[in-house]
N, C-alpha and C. Protein backbone atom coordinates (compact mmCIF):
# COMPACT_ATOMS: atom_id res chain seq x y z
N UNK A 1 -14.65 -8.96 -2.49
CA UNK A 1 -13.72 -10.06 -2.36
C UNK A 1 -12.30 -9.55 -2.53
N UNK A 2 -11.43 -9.94 -1.64
CA UNK A 2 -10.01 -9.58 -1.72
C UNK A 2 -9.24 -10.81 -2.17
N UNK A 3 -8.36 -10.59 -3.14
CA UNK A 3 -7.55 -11.68 -3.68
C UNK A 3 -6.21 -11.12 -4.16
N UNK A 4 -5.28 -12.01 -4.44
CA UNK A 4 -4.01 -11.59 -5.02
C UNK A 4 -4.27 -11.08 -6.44
N UNK A 5 -3.51 -10.07 -6.82
CA UNK A 5 -3.66 -9.49 -8.15
C UNK A 5 -3.16 -10.45 -9.22
N UNK A 6 -3.76 -10.31 -10.40
CA UNK A 6 -3.36 -11.09 -11.57
C UNK A 6 -2.96 -10.11 -12.68
N UNK A 7 -2.30 -10.63 -13.70
CA UNK A 7 -1.83 -9.79 -14.80
C UNK A 7 -2.98 -8.97 -15.40
N UNK A 8 -4.14 -9.56 -15.53
CA UNK A 8 -5.26 -8.84 -16.13
C UNK A 8 -5.74 -7.65 -15.28
N UNK A 9 -5.28 -7.56 -14.04
CA UNK A 9 -5.68 -6.47 -13.14
C UNK A 9 -4.80 -5.23 -13.26
N UNK A 10 -3.67 -5.34 -13.93
CA UNK A 10 -2.70 -4.25 -13.93
C UNK A 10 -3.29 -2.94 -14.46
N UNK A 11 -4.07 -2.99 -15.51
CA UNK A 11 -4.68 -1.77 -16.04
C UNK A 11 -5.55 -1.07 -15.02
N UNK A 12 -6.36 -1.84 -14.31
CA UNK A 12 -7.24 -1.26 -13.28
C UNK A 12 -6.43 -0.72 -12.10
N UNK A 13 -5.41 -1.45 -11.70
CA UNK A 13 -4.54 -0.99 -10.60
C UNK A 13 -3.90 0.34 -11.00
N UNK A 14 -3.38 0.40 -12.20
CA UNK A 14 -2.72 1.61 -12.70
C UNK A 14 -3.68 2.79 -12.71
N UNK A 15 -4.89 2.56 -13.14
CA UNK A 15 -5.89 3.63 -13.19
C UNK A 15 -6.23 4.15 -11.79
N UNK A 16 -6.45 3.25 -10.85
CA UNK A 16 -6.79 3.65 -9.48
C UNK A 16 -5.63 4.41 -8.84
N UNK A 17 -4.42 3.87 -8.96
CA UNK A 17 -3.26 4.54 -8.36
C UNK A 17 -3.00 5.89 -9.03
N UNK A 18 -3.19 5.95 -10.35
CA UNK A 18 -3.00 7.21 -11.07
C UNK A 18 -3.96 8.28 -10.61
N UNK A 19 -5.20 7.89 -10.35
CA UNK A 19 -6.21 8.83 -9.87
C UNK A 19 -5.79 9.46 -8.54
N UNK A 20 -5.36 8.62 -7.59
CA UNK A 20 -4.97 9.13 -6.28
C UNK A 20 -3.60 9.82 -6.32
N UNK A 21 -2.72 9.40 -7.23
CA UNK A 21 -1.43 10.08 -7.40
C UNK A 21 -1.65 11.50 -7.92
N UNK A 22 -2.61 11.67 -8.82
CA UNK A 22 -2.91 13.00 -9.36
C UNK A 22 -3.40 13.95 -8.26
N UNK A 23 -3.98 13.40 -7.22
CA UNK A 23 -4.44 14.20 -6.08
C UNK A 23 -3.31 14.42 -5.06
N UNK A 24 -2.14 13.83 -5.31
CA UNK A 24 -1.00 13.99 -4.40
C UNK A 24 -1.08 13.12 -3.16
N UNK A 25 -1.91 12.07 -3.21
CA UNK A 25 -2.12 11.24 -2.03
C UNK A 25 -1.23 10.00 -1.99
N UNK A 26 -0.64 9.65 -3.12
CA UNK A 26 0.33 8.55 -3.15
C UNK A 26 1.20 8.70 -4.37
N UNK A 27 2.24 7.89 -4.44
CA UNK A 27 3.18 7.97 -5.56
C UNK A 27 2.58 7.33 -6.80
N UNK A 28 2.81 7.94 -7.97
CA UNK A 28 2.38 7.27 -9.21
C UNK A 28 3.25 6.04 -9.43
N UNK A 29 2.69 5.05 -10.04
CA UNK A 29 3.43 3.81 -10.34
C UNK A 29 3.34 3.55 -11.84
N UNK A 30 4.48 3.53 -12.54
CA UNK A 30 4.43 3.23 -13.97
C UNK A 30 3.99 1.78 -14.20
N UNK A 31 3.42 1.54 -15.38
CA UNK A 31 2.96 0.18 -15.71
C UNK A 31 4.07 -0.84 -15.54
N UNK A 32 5.28 -0.49 -15.98
CA UNK A 32 6.39 -1.45 -15.88
C UNK A 32 6.63 -1.87 -14.44
N UNK A 33 6.53 -0.92 -13.51
CA UNK A 33 6.73 -1.23 -12.09
C UNK A 33 5.60 -2.11 -11.55
N UNK A 34 4.38 -1.85 -12.01
CA UNK A 34 3.25 -2.67 -11.55
C UNK A 34 3.40 -4.11 -12.02
N UNK A 35 3.82 -4.30 -13.26
CA UNK A 35 4.05 -5.67 -13.73
C UNK A 35 5.18 -6.33 -12.95
N UNK A 36 6.24 -5.59 -12.70
CA UNK A 36 7.40 -6.12 -11.99
C UNK A 36 7.06 -6.51 -10.56
N UNK A 37 6.15 -5.77 -9.93
CA UNK A 37 5.81 -6.01 -8.53
C UNK A 37 4.38 -6.54 -8.36
N UNK A 38 3.84 -7.14 -9.39
CA UNK A 38 2.46 -7.61 -9.35
C UNK A 38 2.20 -8.55 -8.18
N UNK A 39 3.16 -9.38 -7.85
CA UNK A 39 2.96 -10.34 -6.75
C UNK A 39 2.82 -9.67 -5.39
N UNK A 40 3.17 -8.39 -5.30
CA UNK A 40 3.02 -7.65 -4.04
C UNK A 40 1.58 -7.23 -3.78
N UNK A 41 0.75 -7.20 -4.82
CA UNK A 41 -0.56 -6.56 -4.74
C UNK A 41 -1.70 -7.49 -4.39
N UNK A 42 -2.60 -6.94 -3.59
CA UNK A 42 -3.93 -7.50 -3.37
C UNK A 42 -4.91 -6.55 -4.03
N UNK A 43 -6.02 -7.10 -4.52
CA UNK A 43 -7.07 -6.26 -5.10
C UNK A 43 -8.39 -6.59 -4.43
N UNK A 44 -9.26 -5.59 -4.45
CA UNK A 44 -10.62 -5.73 -3.94
C UNK A 44 -11.55 -5.64 -5.13
N UNK A 45 -12.35 -6.67 -5.34
CA UNK A 45 -13.35 -6.68 -6.40
C UNK A 45 -14.69 -6.29 -5.83
N UNK A 46 -15.48 -5.54 -6.60
CA UNK A 46 -16.84 -5.28 -6.16
C UNK A 46 -17.68 -6.52 -6.46
N UNK A 47 -18.91 -6.51 -6.03
CA UNK A 47 -19.74 -7.71 -6.19
C UNK A 47 -20.64 -7.62 -7.43
N UNK A 48 -20.26 -6.77 -8.38
CA UNK A 48 -21.03 -6.67 -9.62
C UNK A 48 -20.71 -7.85 -10.53
N UNK A 49 -21.45 -7.93 -11.57
CA UNK A 49 -21.26 -9.01 -12.55
C UNK A 49 -19.87 -8.93 -13.18
N UNK A 50 -19.33 -7.71 -13.30
CA UNK A 50 -18.03 -7.52 -13.94
C UNK A 50 -16.85 -7.73 -13.01
N UNK A 51 -17.11 -7.85 -11.71
CA UNK A 51 -16.03 -8.01 -10.71
C UNK A 51 -14.96 -6.93 -10.90
N UNK A 52 -15.39 -5.70 -10.95
CA UNK A 52 -14.51 -4.55 -11.15
C UNK A 52 -13.59 -4.36 -9.96
N UNK A 53 -12.34 -3.98 -10.22
CA UNK A 53 -11.37 -3.71 -9.16
C UNK A 53 -11.68 -2.32 -8.59
N UNK A 54 -11.93 -2.26 -7.28
CA UNK A 54 -12.28 -0.99 -6.64
C UNK A 54 -11.30 -0.61 -5.52
N UNK A 55 -10.32 -1.45 -5.27
CA UNK A 55 -9.33 -1.15 -4.24
C UNK A 55 -8.07 -1.97 -4.44
N UNK A 56 -6.95 -1.43 -3.98
CA UNK A 56 -5.66 -2.10 -4.11
C UNK A 56 -4.81 -1.83 -2.87
N UNK A 57 -3.86 -2.71 -2.64
CA UNK A 57 -2.87 -2.52 -1.58
C UNK A 57 -1.72 -3.49 -1.85
N UNK A 58 -0.52 -3.08 -1.53
CA UNK A 58 0.64 -3.92 -1.77
C UNK A 58 1.47 -4.07 -0.51
N UNK A 59 2.15 -5.20 -0.43
CA UNK A 59 3.12 -5.48 0.63
C UNK A 59 4.47 -5.65 -0.05
N UNK A 60 5.35 -4.69 0.16
CA UNK A 60 6.69 -4.76 -0.41
C UNK A 60 7.70 -5.14 0.66
N UNK A 61 8.46 -6.19 0.40
CA UNK A 61 9.49 -6.61 1.35
C UNK A 61 10.71 -5.73 1.14
N UNK A 62 11.18 -5.13 2.23
CA UNK A 62 12.27 -4.16 2.16
C UNK A 62 13.61 -4.71 2.63
N UNK A 63 13.55 -5.48 3.67
CA UNK A 63 14.78 -5.87 4.37
C UNK A 63 14.46 -7.08 5.21
N UNK A 64 15.46 -7.60 5.87
CA UNK A 64 15.27 -8.74 6.76
C UNK A 64 14.20 -8.41 7.80
N UNK A 65 13.11 -9.13 7.77
CA UNK A 65 12.02 -9.01 8.75
C UNK A 65 11.21 -7.72 8.63
N UNK A 66 11.39 -6.93 7.55
CA UNK A 66 10.71 -5.65 7.43
C UNK A 66 10.03 -5.53 6.07
N UNK A 67 8.78 -5.11 6.10
CA UNK A 67 8.03 -4.89 4.85
C UNK A 67 7.29 -3.56 4.95
N UNK A 68 6.80 -3.10 3.80
CA UNK A 68 6.07 -1.85 3.72
C UNK A 68 4.69 -2.08 3.12
N UNK A 69 3.70 -1.47 3.74
CA UNK A 69 2.37 -1.37 3.14
C UNK A 69 2.44 -0.18 2.20
N UNK A 70 2.10 -0.38 0.94
CA UNK A 70 2.18 0.69 -0.04
C UNK A 70 1.01 0.65 -0.99
N UNK A 71 0.78 1.76 -1.62
CA UNK A 71 -0.24 1.86 -2.68
C UNK A 71 -1.62 1.43 -2.22
N UNK A 72 -1.99 1.82 -1.01
CA UNK A 72 -3.35 1.53 -0.52
C UNK A 72 -4.30 2.57 -1.11
N UNK A 73 -5.30 2.09 -1.84
CA UNK A 73 -6.27 3.00 -2.44
C UNK A 73 -7.59 2.26 -2.65
N UNK A 74 -8.66 2.91 -2.26
CA UNK A 74 -10.02 2.39 -2.48
C UNK A 74 -10.80 3.53 -3.14
N UNK A 75 -11.45 3.24 -4.27
CA UNK A 75 -12.16 4.31 -4.96
C UNK A 75 -13.22 4.90 -4.02
N UNK A 76 -13.45 6.19 -4.20
CA UNK A 76 -14.24 6.95 -3.24
C UNK A 76 -15.62 6.37 -2.98
N UNK A 77 -16.26 5.85 -4.00
CA UNK A 77 -17.60 5.27 -3.85
C UNK A 77 -17.62 4.12 -2.84
N UNK A 78 -16.48 3.48 -2.65
CA UNK A 78 -16.40 2.31 -1.77
C UNK A 78 -15.65 2.59 -0.47
N UNK A 79 -15.31 3.85 -0.22
CA UNK A 79 -14.63 4.19 1.03
C UNK A 79 -15.64 4.21 2.18
N UNK A 80 -15.13 4.06 3.40
CA UNK A 80 -15.98 4.09 4.59
C UNK A 80 -16.68 2.78 4.86
N UNK A 81 -16.28 1.71 4.18
CA UNK A 81 -16.91 0.40 4.35
C UNK A 81 -15.93 -0.64 4.89
N UNK A 82 -14.82 -0.16 5.45
CA UNK A 82 -13.78 -1.02 6.04
C UNK A 82 -12.98 -1.81 5.01
N UNK A 83 -13.11 -1.48 3.72
CA UNK A 83 -12.36 -2.20 2.70
C UNK A 83 -10.86 -1.91 2.79
N UNK A 84 -10.49 -0.67 3.12
CA UNK A 84 -9.08 -0.35 3.30
C UNK A 84 -8.47 -1.18 4.41
N UNK A 85 -9.18 -1.32 5.51
CA UNK A 85 -8.70 -2.15 6.63
C UNK A 85 -8.55 -3.60 6.20
N UNK A 86 -9.48 -4.09 5.41
CA UNK A 86 -9.42 -5.47 4.94
C UNK A 86 -8.23 -5.69 4.00
N UNK A 87 -7.96 -4.71 3.16
CA UNK A 87 -6.80 -4.82 2.27
C UNK A 87 -5.50 -4.83 3.07
N UNK A 88 -5.39 -3.94 4.06
CA UNK A 88 -4.20 -3.92 4.91
C UNK A 88 -4.09 -5.23 5.67
N UNK A 89 -5.20 -5.74 6.18
CA UNK A 89 -5.17 -7.01 6.91
C UNK A 89 -4.68 -8.15 6.02
N UNK A 90 -5.07 -8.17 4.76
CA UNK A 90 -4.57 -9.21 3.85
C UNK A 90 -3.06 -9.13 3.73
N UNK A 91 -2.53 -7.91 3.64
CA UNK A 91 -1.08 -7.73 3.58
C UNK A 91 -0.41 -8.17 4.87
N UNK A 92 -1.01 -7.84 6.00
CA UNK A 92 -0.43 -8.23 7.29
C UNK A 92 -0.43 -9.74 7.47
N UNK A 93 -1.50 -10.39 7.03
CA UNK A 93 -1.53 -11.86 7.10
C UNK A 93 -0.41 -12.46 6.26
N UNK A 94 -0.20 -11.90 5.08
CA UNK A 94 0.88 -12.40 4.23
C UNK A 94 2.23 -12.14 4.88
N UNK A 95 2.40 -10.97 5.49
CA UNK A 95 3.66 -10.65 6.17
C UNK A 95 3.96 -11.68 7.27
N UNK A 96 2.94 -12.01 8.03
CA UNK A 96 3.11 -13.02 9.09
C UNK A 96 3.50 -14.37 8.49
N UNK A 97 2.83 -14.75 7.41
CA UNK A 97 3.11 -16.06 6.80
C UNK A 97 4.52 -16.11 6.22
N UNK A 98 5.09 -14.96 5.89
CA UNK A 98 6.46 -14.90 5.36
C UNK A 98 7.50 -14.80 6.47
N UNK A 99 7.06 -14.71 7.73
CA UNK A 99 7.98 -14.64 8.86
C UNK A 99 8.53 -13.25 9.12
N UNK A 100 7.85 -12.23 8.61
CA UNK A 100 8.28 -10.86 8.87
C UNK A 100 7.86 -10.44 10.27
N UNK A 101 8.63 -9.56 10.89
CA UNK A 101 8.30 -9.15 12.25
C UNK A 101 7.84 -7.70 12.36
N UNK A 102 8.04 -6.90 11.30
CA UNK A 102 7.62 -5.50 11.33
C UNK A 102 7.12 -5.07 9.95
N UNK A 103 6.10 -4.23 9.98
CA UNK A 103 5.56 -3.65 8.75
C UNK A 103 5.44 -2.15 9.00
N UNK A 104 5.89 -1.36 8.04
CA UNK A 104 5.78 0.09 8.19
C UNK A 104 4.96 0.66 7.04
N UNK A 105 4.60 1.91 7.21
CA UNK A 105 3.88 2.65 6.18
C UNK A 105 4.30 4.11 6.25
N UNK A 106 4.38 4.75 5.11
CA UNK A 106 4.52 6.20 5.03
C UNK A 106 3.16 6.70 4.58
N UNK A 107 2.54 7.56 5.37
CA UNK A 107 1.13 7.86 5.14
C UNK A 107 0.73 9.26 5.56
N UNK A 108 -0.40 9.70 5.00
CA UNK A 108 -1.09 10.90 5.46
C UNK A 108 -2.25 10.51 6.38
N UNK A 109 -2.52 9.22 6.50
CA UNK A 109 -3.69 8.72 7.22
C UNK A 109 -3.30 8.13 8.58
N UNK A 110 -2.73 8.98 9.43
CA UNK A 110 -2.27 8.50 10.74
C UNK A 110 -3.39 7.85 11.55
N UNK A 111 -4.55 8.47 11.58
CA UNK A 111 -5.66 7.92 12.37
C UNK A 111 -6.07 6.54 11.88
N UNK A 112 -6.15 6.37 10.57
CA UNK A 112 -6.54 5.09 9.99
C UNK A 112 -5.56 4.00 10.43
N UNK A 113 -4.26 4.25 10.24
CA UNK A 113 -3.28 3.21 10.57
C UNK A 113 -3.12 3.04 12.08
N UNK A 114 -3.33 4.08 12.84
CA UNK A 114 -3.29 3.97 14.29
C UNK A 114 -4.37 3.00 14.79
N UNK A 115 -5.55 3.09 14.20
CA UNK A 115 -6.64 2.16 14.58
C UNK A 115 -6.28 0.71 14.26
N UNK A 116 -5.36 0.50 13.33
CA UNK A 116 -4.93 -0.85 12.97
C UNK A 116 -3.73 -1.32 13.79
N UNK A 117 -3.29 -0.48 14.73
CA UNK A 117 -2.20 -0.86 15.62
C UNK A 117 -0.84 -0.29 15.27
N UNK A 118 -0.74 0.49 14.21
CA UNK A 118 0.53 1.10 13.83
C UNK A 118 0.84 2.25 14.77
N UNK A 119 2.14 2.46 15.02
CA UNK A 119 2.59 3.54 15.90
C UNK A 119 3.54 4.45 15.14
N UNK A 120 3.47 5.74 15.44
CA UNK A 120 4.36 6.72 14.82
C UNK A 120 5.81 6.45 15.19
N UNK A 121 6.70 6.60 14.22
CA UNK A 121 8.14 6.50 14.45
C UNK A 121 8.82 7.61 13.65
N UNK A 122 10.03 7.91 14.00
CA UNK A 122 10.83 8.86 13.22
C UNK A 122 11.26 8.16 11.93
N UNK A 123 11.15 8.87 10.82
CA UNK A 123 11.55 8.29 9.53
C UNK A 123 13.01 7.85 9.55
N UNK A 124 13.83 8.57 10.29
CA UNK A 124 15.26 8.25 10.35
C UNK A 124 15.53 6.87 10.94
N UNK A 125 14.57 6.30 11.66
CA UNK A 125 14.78 4.96 12.25
C UNK A 125 14.60 3.85 11.23
N UNK A 126 14.05 4.16 10.06
CA UNK A 126 13.85 3.14 9.03
C UNK A 126 15.15 2.93 8.25
N UNK A 127 15.41 1.71 7.80
CA UNK A 127 16.65 1.44 7.05
C UNK A 127 16.74 2.29 5.77
N UNK A 128 17.96 2.57 5.36
CA UNK A 128 18.18 3.40 4.18
C UNK A 128 17.57 2.80 2.92
N UNK A 129 17.48 1.47 2.84
CA UNK A 129 16.90 0.83 1.67
C UNK A 129 15.47 1.33 1.43
N UNK A 130 14.78 1.70 2.48
CA UNK A 130 13.41 2.20 2.41
C UNK A 130 13.32 3.45 1.52
N UNK A 131 14.36 4.24 1.51
CA UNK A 131 14.31 5.54 0.85
C UNK A 131 14.48 5.48 -0.66
N UNK A 132 14.65 4.29 -1.24
CA UNK A 132 14.80 4.17 -2.68
C UNK A 132 13.60 4.77 -3.41
N UNK A 133 12.38 4.49 -2.95
CA UNK A 133 11.18 5.06 -3.57
C UNK A 133 11.09 6.56 -3.32
N UNK A 134 11.59 7.00 -2.20
CA UNK A 134 11.49 8.42 -1.85
C UNK A 134 12.23 9.29 -2.87
N UNK A 135 13.29 8.77 -3.44
CA UNK A 135 14.05 9.54 -4.41
C UNK A 135 13.23 9.85 -5.66
N UNK A 136 12.21 9.04 -5.94
CA UNK A 136 11.34 9.24 -7.10
C UNK A 136 10.20 10.21 -6.81
N UNK A 137 10.01 10.53 -5.56
CA UNK A 137 8.85 11.33 -5.16
C UNK A 137 9.08 12.81 -5.44
N UNK A 138 8.07 13.49 -5.99
CA UNK A 138 8.22 14.92 -6.24
C UNK A 138 8.36 15.75 -4.96
N UNK A 139 8.00 15.17 -3.82
CA UNK A 139 8.10 15.90 -2.54
C UNK A 139 9.46 15.70 -1.86
N UNK A 140 10.31 14.84 -2.42
CA UNK A 140 11.62 14.60 -1.84
C UNK A 140 12.47 15.86 -1.96
N UNK A 141 13.21 16.28 -0.96
CA UNK A 141 13.41 15.67 0.35
C UNK A 141 12.48 16.24 1.43
N UNK A 142 11.47 16.97 1.04
CA UNK A 142 10.58 17.61 2.01
C UNK A 142 9.31 16.79 2.22
N UNK A 143 9.48 15.55 2.59
CA UNK A 143 8.36 14.63 2.77
C UNK A 143 7.46 15.10 3.93
N UNK A 144 6.17 15.10 3.67
CA UNK A 144 5.23 15.48 4.73
C UNK A 144 4.39 14.30 5.20
N UNK A 145 4.79 13.09 4.82
CA UNK A 145 4.09 11.90 5.29
C UNK A 145 4.62 11.50 6.67
N UNK A 146 3.81 10.75 7.39
CA UNK A 146 4.22 10.21 8.68
C UNK A 146 4.67 8.77 8.50
N UNK A 147 5.70 8.41 9.24
CA UNK A 147 6.17 7.03 9.26
C UNK A 147 5.50 6.33 10.44
N UNK A 148 4.95 5.15 10.18
CA UNK A 148 4.31 4.38 11.23
C UNK A 148 4.75 2.92 11.09
N UNK A 149 4.81 2.22 12.20
CA UNK A 149 5.27 0.84 12.18
C UNK A 149 4.38 -0.02 13.05
N UNK A 150 4.26 -1.28 12.66
CA UNK A 150 3.52 -2.28 13.42
C UNK A 150 4.43 -3.47 13.64
N UNK A 151 4.54 -3.86 14.90
CA UNK A 151 5.31 -5.07 15.22
C UNK A 151 4.35 -6.25 15.21
N UNK A 152 4.70 -7.26 14.44
CA UNK A 152 3.81 -8.43 14.29
C UNK A 152 4.11 -9.47 15.37
C-alpha cells in the first residue's frame, strides 16, 4: 500500500535512505530535513501485520511548474515488483493535482525512468534553484547522475 508519509514513518524513511546513501546511490538526508519535508514523501508499506515501510519516494517542488522526484528507494527484498514505478506514479499524480507541468529527476537509473516516460536533458537546462541540494553532495561538482525530465 502506498500512502503519504506520517511523522511516525520518519525513522524508517531515514533508515532506508541511509542504507542506499551508504552505497552512494542517493544523497543522505538528515532527520531534521526529513521532518521538514515530510509532506513531500510517499511510503510503501508491506502487507505484514506490522505494515513495515519498505519503500519511499518524494516530490519536491522546485520552481513555478517544476518539481523533482527525489529519494526513491525500495529495499532490495521488494525490488523488481514494480513498487518503484508505483511510488513514482503517486508523485506524478500529486504533481498533476498541484498543476505542475514538468517533473525532473537526477538519477543513475536512466532505463527505469525512461520506461516511465522521462527523457534525458542537459543538467544545465534545469533552473539554478535545483542545484541547492547538489552543493551538499560529496560528488559535487563532478556529478555523474543523469538529468531526466517528464512533461505532464
